[in-house]
């Protein structure tokens, strides 16, 4: 817990809060990089059993999140006593809050209210504003088959939470996903979310179904380095065999022509699954390097993808 407070104190001094500067502070404090760079910046870090990740939305908003406690499912794939797990998470959160209130930035904290979406998203929650930013500490369970976690997040702008905490989609809840889009979704498999349209990937391909069709390391790197369009604060678990977990795994990345989930790179790396040939051809033509794209290109794509996946703004 101490490492998290130290990092929050460091990050609180950054004006503006940028992904590059945040990564530099993690490195200086001897956090271990997780090998998930995006745009040349390491975005995943670990220290003393705490995971951290840096995200930048399509609109340029930077957030730094910490998973300070995780209670995973048991061997059967379910919790033995879910209410007891919730209570344990609340105890961990209660034990962590005094450290925030004793920190060097405590005098700059102002209590912030909850929203209706918070009641659906969090089991327990405290939120403050900090020099125009949002600091959130809470207990979350994003879905019934995912771990319960105590998370702490510092965001450069107030979060606009949609389904499963997505940004930049605003509050208002999910609408029915639309199958039309100018960019092509790939790898949104039905086992990950029953709302996904069958045309976006269908069922997850069998392990080794893409064996020999692409260079694994290069393609995984290409997928991991996509431009972020939609930021989702959700820890996802490998639906094939539970071999990995990815912080923010259902966030959405793009190369400007295709869009995919952030955890697709791990399915390529661990399971060598088959992917559409037109996407593989585009990746080869790009030399397995995601083409540059500026804000004016990414912002409308971010709005399009938000609509595609069923996030809608509040009236």
Protein backbone atom coordinates (compact mmCIF):
# COMPACT_ATOMS: atom_id res chain seq x y z
CA UNK A 1 0.00 0.00 0.00
CA UNK A 2 2.88 2.35 0.75
CA UNK A 3 4.13 2.09 -2.83
CA UNK A 4 0.73 3.25 -4.11
CA UNK A 5 0.64 6.29 -1.83
CA UNK A 6 4.18 7.24 -2.85
CA UNK A 7 3.20 7.04 -6.51
CA UNK A 8 0.02 9.06 -5.97
CA UNK A 9 2.11 11.74 -4.26
CA UNK A 10 4.48 11.71 -7.24
CA UNK A 11 1.70 11.80 -9.84
CA UNK A 12 -0.09 14.58 -8.00
CA UNK A 13 2.82 16.91 -8.74
CA UNK A 14 2.64 16.38 -12.52
CA UNK A 15 1.04 19.27 -14.39
CA UNK A 16 -0.17 18.18 -16.82
CA UNK A 17 -0.49 14.49 -16.07
CA UNK A 18 0.93 12.73 -19.13
CA UNK A 19 1.51 9.06 -19.88
CA UNK A 20 5.20 9.70 -20.57
CA UNK A 21 5.81 11.48 -17.26
CA UNK A 22 3.78 8.92 -15.32
CA UNK A 23 5.83 6.08 -16.82
CA UNK A 24 9.04 7.92 -15.94
CA UNK A 25 7.91 8.20 -12.30
CA UNK A 26 7.07 4.48 -12.13
CA UNK A 27 10.51 3.65 -13.51
CA UNK A 28 12.25 6.00 -11.09
CA UNK A 29 10.44 4.36 -8.16
CA UNK A 30 11.63 0.93 -9.39
CA UNK A 31 8.29 -0.49 -10.42
CA UNK A 32 8.64 -3.45 -12.80
CA UNK A 33 7.34 -2.86 -16.34
CA UNK A 34 4.82 -5.38 -17.65
CA UNK A 35 5.87 -5.22 -21.28
CA UNK A 36 2.71 -3.61 -22.67
CA UNK A 37 3.95 -0.41 -24.33
CA UNK A 38 1.59 1.78 -26.32
CA UNK A 39 2.85 4.63 -28.44
CA UNK A 40 6.35 3.95 -27.11
CA UNK A 41 5.23 4.29 -23.45
CA UNK A 42 5.19 1.39 -20.99
CA UNK A 43 1.63 1.21 -19.64
CA UNK A 44 1.70 -1.74 -17.22
CA UNK A 45 3.66 -1.83 -13.94
CA UNK A 46 3.99 -4.01 -10.85
CA UNK A 47 5.51 -3.62 -7.40
CA UNK A 48 5.04 -5.53 -4.14
CA UNK A 49 2.09 -7.45 -5.57
CA UNK A 50 0.27 -4.30 -6.72
CA UNK A 51 -0.58 -3.89 -10.39
CA UNK A 52 -0.76 -0.48 -12.04
CA UNK A 53 -1.55 0.70 -15.52
CA UNK A 54 -1.55 3.96 -17.46
CA UNK A 55 -4.29 4.68 -19.96
CA UNK A 56 -4.90 7.46 -22.45
CA UNK A 57 -8.36 7.77 -23.96
CA UNK A 58 -9.03 8.74 -27.55
CA UNK A 59 -9.81 12.24 -26.25
CA UNK A 60 -6.37 12.49 -24.64
CA UNK A 61 -7.46 12.04 -21.01
CA UNK A 62 -4.82 10.23 -18.92
CA UNK A 63 -5.64 7.98 -15.99
CA UNK A 64 -3.39 5.94 -13.69
CA UNK A 65 -5.01 3.02 -11.88
CA UNK A 66 -3.82 0.64 -9.17
CA UNK A 67 -5.25 -2.76 -8.21
CA UNK A 68 -4.19 -2.87 -4.58
CA UNK A 69 -6.08 -6.07 -3.73
CA UNK A 70 -7.58 -8.87 -5.83
CA UNK A 71 -9.70 -11.82 -4.70
CA UNK A 72 -9.98 -14.25 -7.58
CA UNK A 73 -12.50 -17.03 -8.13
CA UNK A 74 -11.86 -20.43 -6.62
CA UNK A 75 -10.83 -23.51 -8.61
CA UNK A 76 -14.42 -24.24 -9.61
CA UNK A 77 -14.65 -20.84 -11.27
CA UNK A 78 -16.98 -19.36 -8.67
CA UNK A 79 -16.78 -17.65 -5.29
CA UNK A 80 -17.56 -19.89 -2.33
CA UNK A 81 -19.15 -17.00 -0.42
CA UNK A 82 -19.51 -13.85 -2.51
CA UNK A 83 -20.85 -11.71 0.32
CA UNK A 84 -17.83 -12.64 2.44
CA UNK A 85 -15.54 -11.58 -0.41
CA UNK A 86 -17.35 -8.24 -0.68
CA UNK A 87 -16.92 -7.72 3.06
CA UNK A 88 -13.22 -8.57 2.83
CA UNK A 89 -12.81 -6.03 0.02
CA UNK A 90 -14.56 -3.38 2.07
CA UNK A 91 -12.24 -4.09 5.01
CA UNK A 92 -9.18 -3.73 2.75
CA UNK A 93 -10.54 -0.44 1.40
CA UNK A 94 -11.28 0.84 4.90
CA UNK A 95 -7.73 -0.01 5.93
CA UNK A 96 -6.31 1.84 2.92
CA UNK A 97 -8.32 5.07 3.21
CA UNK A 98 -6.42 6.44 6.26
CA UNK A 99 -3.20 6.32 4.20
CA UNK A 100 -4.83 8.59 1.62
CA UNK A 101 -6.09 10.92 4.32
CA UNK A 102 -2.58 11.13 5.86
CA UNK A 103 -0.79 11.67 2.54
CA UNK A 104 1.01 14.86 1.52
CA UNK A 105 -1.90 15.80 -0.77
CA UNK A 106 -4.62 15.21 1.84
CA UNK A 107 -5.10 18.93 2.42
CA UNK A 108 -5.95 19.40 -1.27
CA UNK A 109 -8.65 16.72 -1.34
CA UNK A 110 -12.30 17.69 -1.59
CA UNK A 111 -14.98 15.05 -1.15
CA UNK A 112 -16.93 14.34 -4.34
CA UNK A 113 -20.41 12.90 -4.53
CA UNK A 114 -21.54 9.62 -6.02
CA UNK A 115 -23.60 9.13 -9.13
CA UNK A 116 -26.31 6.61 -9.91
CA UNK A 117 -23.78 4.78 -12.10
CA UNK A 118 -21.43 4.47 -9.11
CA UNK A 119 -24.08 2.48 -7.25
CA UNK A 120 -24.10 -0.06 -10.07
CA UNK A 121 -20.32 -0.09 -10.61
CA UNK A 122 -18.92 -0.07 -7.06
CA UNK A 123 -19.55 -2.23 -4.01
CA UNK A 124 -18.00 0.51 -1.85
CA UNK A 125 -16.54 3.87 -2.90
CA UNK A 126 -14.81 7.07 -1.86
CA UNK A 127 -14.12 9.83 -4.38
CA UNK A 128 -12.39 13.18 -4.16
CA UNK A 129 -11.31 15.99 -6.44
CA UNK A 130 -7.60 16.80 -6.36
CA UNK A 131 -6.50 19.99 -8.11
CA UNK A 132 -9.05 19.52 -10.87
CA UNK A 133 -8.47 15.76 -11.13
CA UNK A 134 -10.49 12.88 -9.79
CA UNK A 135 -9.17 10.42 -7.20
CA UNK A 136 -11.29 7.32 -6.71
CA UNK A 137 -10.85 4.42 -4.28
CA UNK A 138 -13.36 1.61 -4.32
CA UNK A 139 -14.29 -2.05 -4.36
CA UNK A 140 -15.41 -3.31 -7.77
CA UNK A 141 -16.58 -6.50 -9.42
CA UNK A 142 -17.05 -5.85 -13.12
CA UNK A 143 -18.86 -9.10 -13.83
CA UNK A 144 -19.91 -12.26 -12.02
CA UNK A 145 -17.04 -14.29 -13.48
CA UNK A 146 -14.29 -11.78 -12.70
CA UNK A 147 -12.31 -11.02 -9.53
CA UNK A 148 -13.37 -8.58 -6.84
CA UNK A 149 -10.77 -5.83 -6.58
CA UNK A 150 -9.87 -2.78 -4.51
CA UNK A 151 -8.81 -0.15 -7.04
CA UNK A 152 -7.43 3.37 -6.77
CA UNK A 153 -7.44 5.65 -9.81
CA UNK A 154 -6.19 9.17 -10.48
CA UNK A 155 -7.70 10.71 -13.60
CA UNK A 156 -6.77 13.96 -15.27
CA UNK A 157 -10.46 14.74 -15.86
CA UNK A 158 -13.64 13.53 -14.15
CA UNK A 159 -14.58 10.06 -15.31
CA UNK A 160 -17.63 9.72 -17.49
CA UNK A 161 -18.68 6.22 -16.61
CA UNK A 162 -20.71 4.11 -18.99
CA UNK A 163 -21.22 0.37 -19.12
CA UNK A 164 -18.37 -1.23 -17.14
CA UNK A 165 -16.75 2.13 -16.46
CA UNK A 166 -15.88 3.05 -20.03
CA UNK A 167 -14.54 6.43 -21.13
CA UNK A 168 -15.02 8.57 -23.18
CA UNK A 169 -18.60 7.28 -23.41
CA UNK A 170 -20.73 9.38 -21.07
CA UNK A 171 -23.24 8.29 -18.46
CA UNK A 172 -26.61 7.00 -19.50
CA UNK A 173 -26.11 3.25 -19.74
CA UNK A 174 -25.98 0.79 -22.60
CA UNK A 175 -27.98 0.88 -25.78
CA UNK A 176 -28.25 -1.96 -28.29
CA UNK A 177 -24.96 -2.23 -30.25
CA UNK A 178 -25.15 -1.30 -33.92
CA UNK A 179 -23.48 -3.62 -36.45
CA UNK A 180 -22.58 -0.78 -38.85
CA UNK A 181 -19.19 0.93 -38.70
CA UNK A 182 -16.59 2.49 -40.98
CA UNK A 183 -13.84 0.75 -39.03
CA UNK A 184 -13.92 -3.03 -38.80
CA UNK A 185 -14.14 -4.69 -35.35
CA UNK A 186 -12.15 -7.91 -34.89
CA UNK A 187 -11.72 -10.21 -31.91
CA UNK A 188 -14.87 -9.20 -30.01
CA UNK A 189 -15.85 -12.77 -29.16
CA UNK A 190 -19.22 -13.81 -27.79
CA UNK A 191 -17.62 -15.60 -24.82
CA UNK A 192 -16.30 -12.20 -23.70
CA UNK A 193 -19.65 -10.38 -23.91
CA UNK A 194 -22.97 -11.75 -25.13
CA UNK A 195 -23.85 -8.32 -26.57
CA UNK A 196 -21.12 -8.52 -29.22
CA UNK A 197 -22.42 -8.87 -32.77
CA UNK A 198 -21.50 -12.19 -34.42
CA UNK A 199 -19.86 -10.30 -37.29
CA UNK A 200 -17.23 -8.87 -34.92
CA UNK A 201 -15.58 -12.23 -34.28
CA UNK A 202 -18.20 -14.82 -33.39
CA UNK A 203 -16.96 -17.50 -31.00
CA UNK A 204 -13.36 -17.42 -29.85
CA UNK A 205 -11.15 -19.43 -32.25
CA UNK A 206 -9.53 -22.64 -31.09
CA UNK A 207 -5.97 -22.51 -29.73
CA UNK A 208 -3.33 -22.83 -32.49
CA UNK A 209 -5.96 -22.15 -35.18
CA UNK A 210 -3.73 -19.35 -36.50
CA UNK A 211 -0.48 -21.31 -36.19
CA UNK A 212 1.91 -20.43 -39.02
CA UNK A 213 -0.30 -17.68 -40.46
CA UNK A 214 1.54 -14.79 -38.79
CA UNK A 215 4.71 -13.98 -36.79
CA UNK A 216 3.40 -14.21 -33.24
CA UNK A 217 5.68 -11.69 -31.52
CA UNK A 218 5.33 -9.09 -34.27
CA UNK A 219 1.56 -9.36 -34.47
CA UNK A 220 1.14 -9.31 -30.68
CA UNK A 221 3.31 -6.17 -30.59
CA UNK A 222 1.21 -4.60 -33.35
CA UNK A 223 -2.01 -5.26 -31.44
CA UNK A 224 -0.57 -4.01 -28.15
CA UNK A 225 0.64 -0.74 -29.70
CA UNK A 226 -2.70 0.32 -31.22
CA UNK A 227 -4.01 3.81 -30.61
CA UNK A 228 -6.43 3.81 -27.62
CA UNK A 229 -10.02 4.71 -28.48
CA UNK A 230 -12.10 3.53 -25.53
CA UNK A 231 -10.80 3.13 -22.00
CA UNK A 232 -12.53 0.50 -19.82
CA UNK A 233 -11.50 -0.10 -16.20
CA UNK A 234 -11.99 -3.85 -16.28
CA UNK A 235 -9.59 -6.67 -15.49
CA UNK A 236 -10.29 -9.39 -18.06
CA UNK A 237 -9.46 -13.08 -17.80
CA UNK A 238 -8.47 -15.45 -20.60
CA UNK A 239 -11.73 -17.13 -21.71
CA UNK A 240 -9.89 -20.05 -23.33
CA UNK A 241 -7.91 -21.44 -20.44
CA UNK A 242 -7.42 -18.78 -17.78
CA UNK A 243 -3.76 -18.41 -18.73
CA UNK A 244 -3.62 -14.62 -18.29
CA UNK A 245 -5.41 -11.53 -17.04
CA UNK A 246 -5.22 -8.09 -18.63
CA UNK A 247 -5.94 -4.81 -16.80
CA UNK A 248 -8.30 -2.81 -18.99
CA UNK A 249 -8.55 -5.79 -21.33
CA UNK A 250 -11.88 -4.76 -22.88
CA UNK A 251 -10.57 -1.30 -23.77
CA UNK A 252 -10.50 -0.68 -27.52
CA UNK A 253 -7.47 0.04 -29.73
CA UNK A 254 -7.14 0.83 -33.43
CA UNK A 255 -4.74 1.11 -36.34
CA UNK A 256 -7.15 3.44 -38.11
CA UNK A 257 -8.81 0.70 -40.19
CA UNK A 258 -9.56 -2.05 -37.64
CA UNK A 259 -10.54 -1.91 -33.96
CA UNK A 260 -9.91 -4.61 -31.36
CA UNK A 261 -9.91 -5.25 -27.62
CA UNK A 262 -6.72 -4.57 -25.69
CA UNK A 263 -6.52 -8.21 -24.57
CA UNK A 264 -6.48 -9.57 -28.15
CA UNK A 265 -2.67 -9.33 -28.15
CA UNK A 266 -2.52 -11.84 -25.31
CA UNK A 267 -4.77 -14.30 -27.17
CA UNK A 268 -2.31 -14.12 -30.05
CA UNK A 269 0.71 -14.41 -27.76
CA UNK A 270 -0.60 -17.28 -25.62
CA UNK A 271 -2.96 -19.18 -27.93
CA UNK A 272 -2.04 -18.23 -31.54
CA UNK A 273 -5.68 -17.90 -32.49
CA UNK A 274 -6.85 -17.32 -36.07
CA UNK A 275 -7.58 -13.72 -37.13
CA UNK A 276 -9.20 -12.35 -40.30
CA UNK A 277 -6.95 -12.46 -43.34
CA UNK A 278 -7.68 -8.85 -44.34
CA UNK A 279 -6.44 -7.70 -40.95
CA UNK A 280 -3.30 -9.84 -41.20
CA UNK A 281 -2.64 -8.47 -44.68
CA UNK A 282 -3.01 -4.88 -43.43
CA UNK A 283 -0.62 -5.55 -40.52
CA UNK A 284 1.97 -6.99 -42.92
CA UNK A 285 1.60 -4.04 -45.30
CA UNK A 286 2.19 -1.73 -42.32
CA UNK A 287 5.36 -3.63 -41.48
CA UNK A 288 3.75 -4.64 -38.15
CA UNK A 289 4.00 -1.01 -37.03
CA UNK A 290 0.75 0.81 -36.28
CA UNK A 291 0.58 3.91 -38.51
CA UNK A 292 0.61 7.29 -36.72
CA UNK A 293 -2.73 9.05 -36.23
CA UNK A 294 -3.49 12.47 -34.77
CA UNK A 295 -6.25 13.56 -32.42
CA UNK A 296 -8.49 14.78 -35.25
CA UNK A 297 -8.56 11.26 -36.68
CA UNK A 298 -8.90 9.34 -33.41
CA UNK A 299 -11.66 11.42 -31.80
CA UNK A 300 -14.38 10.65 -34.38
CA UNK A 301 -13.31 6.99 -34.35
CA UNK A 302 -13.68 6.99 -30.57
CA UNK A 303 -17.22 8.33 -30.86
CA UNK A 304 -18.03 5.79 -33.57
CA UNK A 305 -16.74 2.87 -31.51
CA UNK A 306 -18.60 4.08 -28.40
CA UNK A 307 -21.82 4.00 -30.40
CA UNK A 308 -20.94 0.67 -31.99
CA UNK A 309 -20.44 -1.02 -28.62
CA UNK A 310 -23.62 0.42 -27.16
CA UNK A 311 -22.46 3.30 -24.99
CA UNK A 312 -24.68 6.36 -25.25
CA UNK A 313 -24.48 9.82 -23.74
CA UNK A 314 -26.92 11.00 -21.14
CA UNK A 315 -29.49 13.55 -22.38
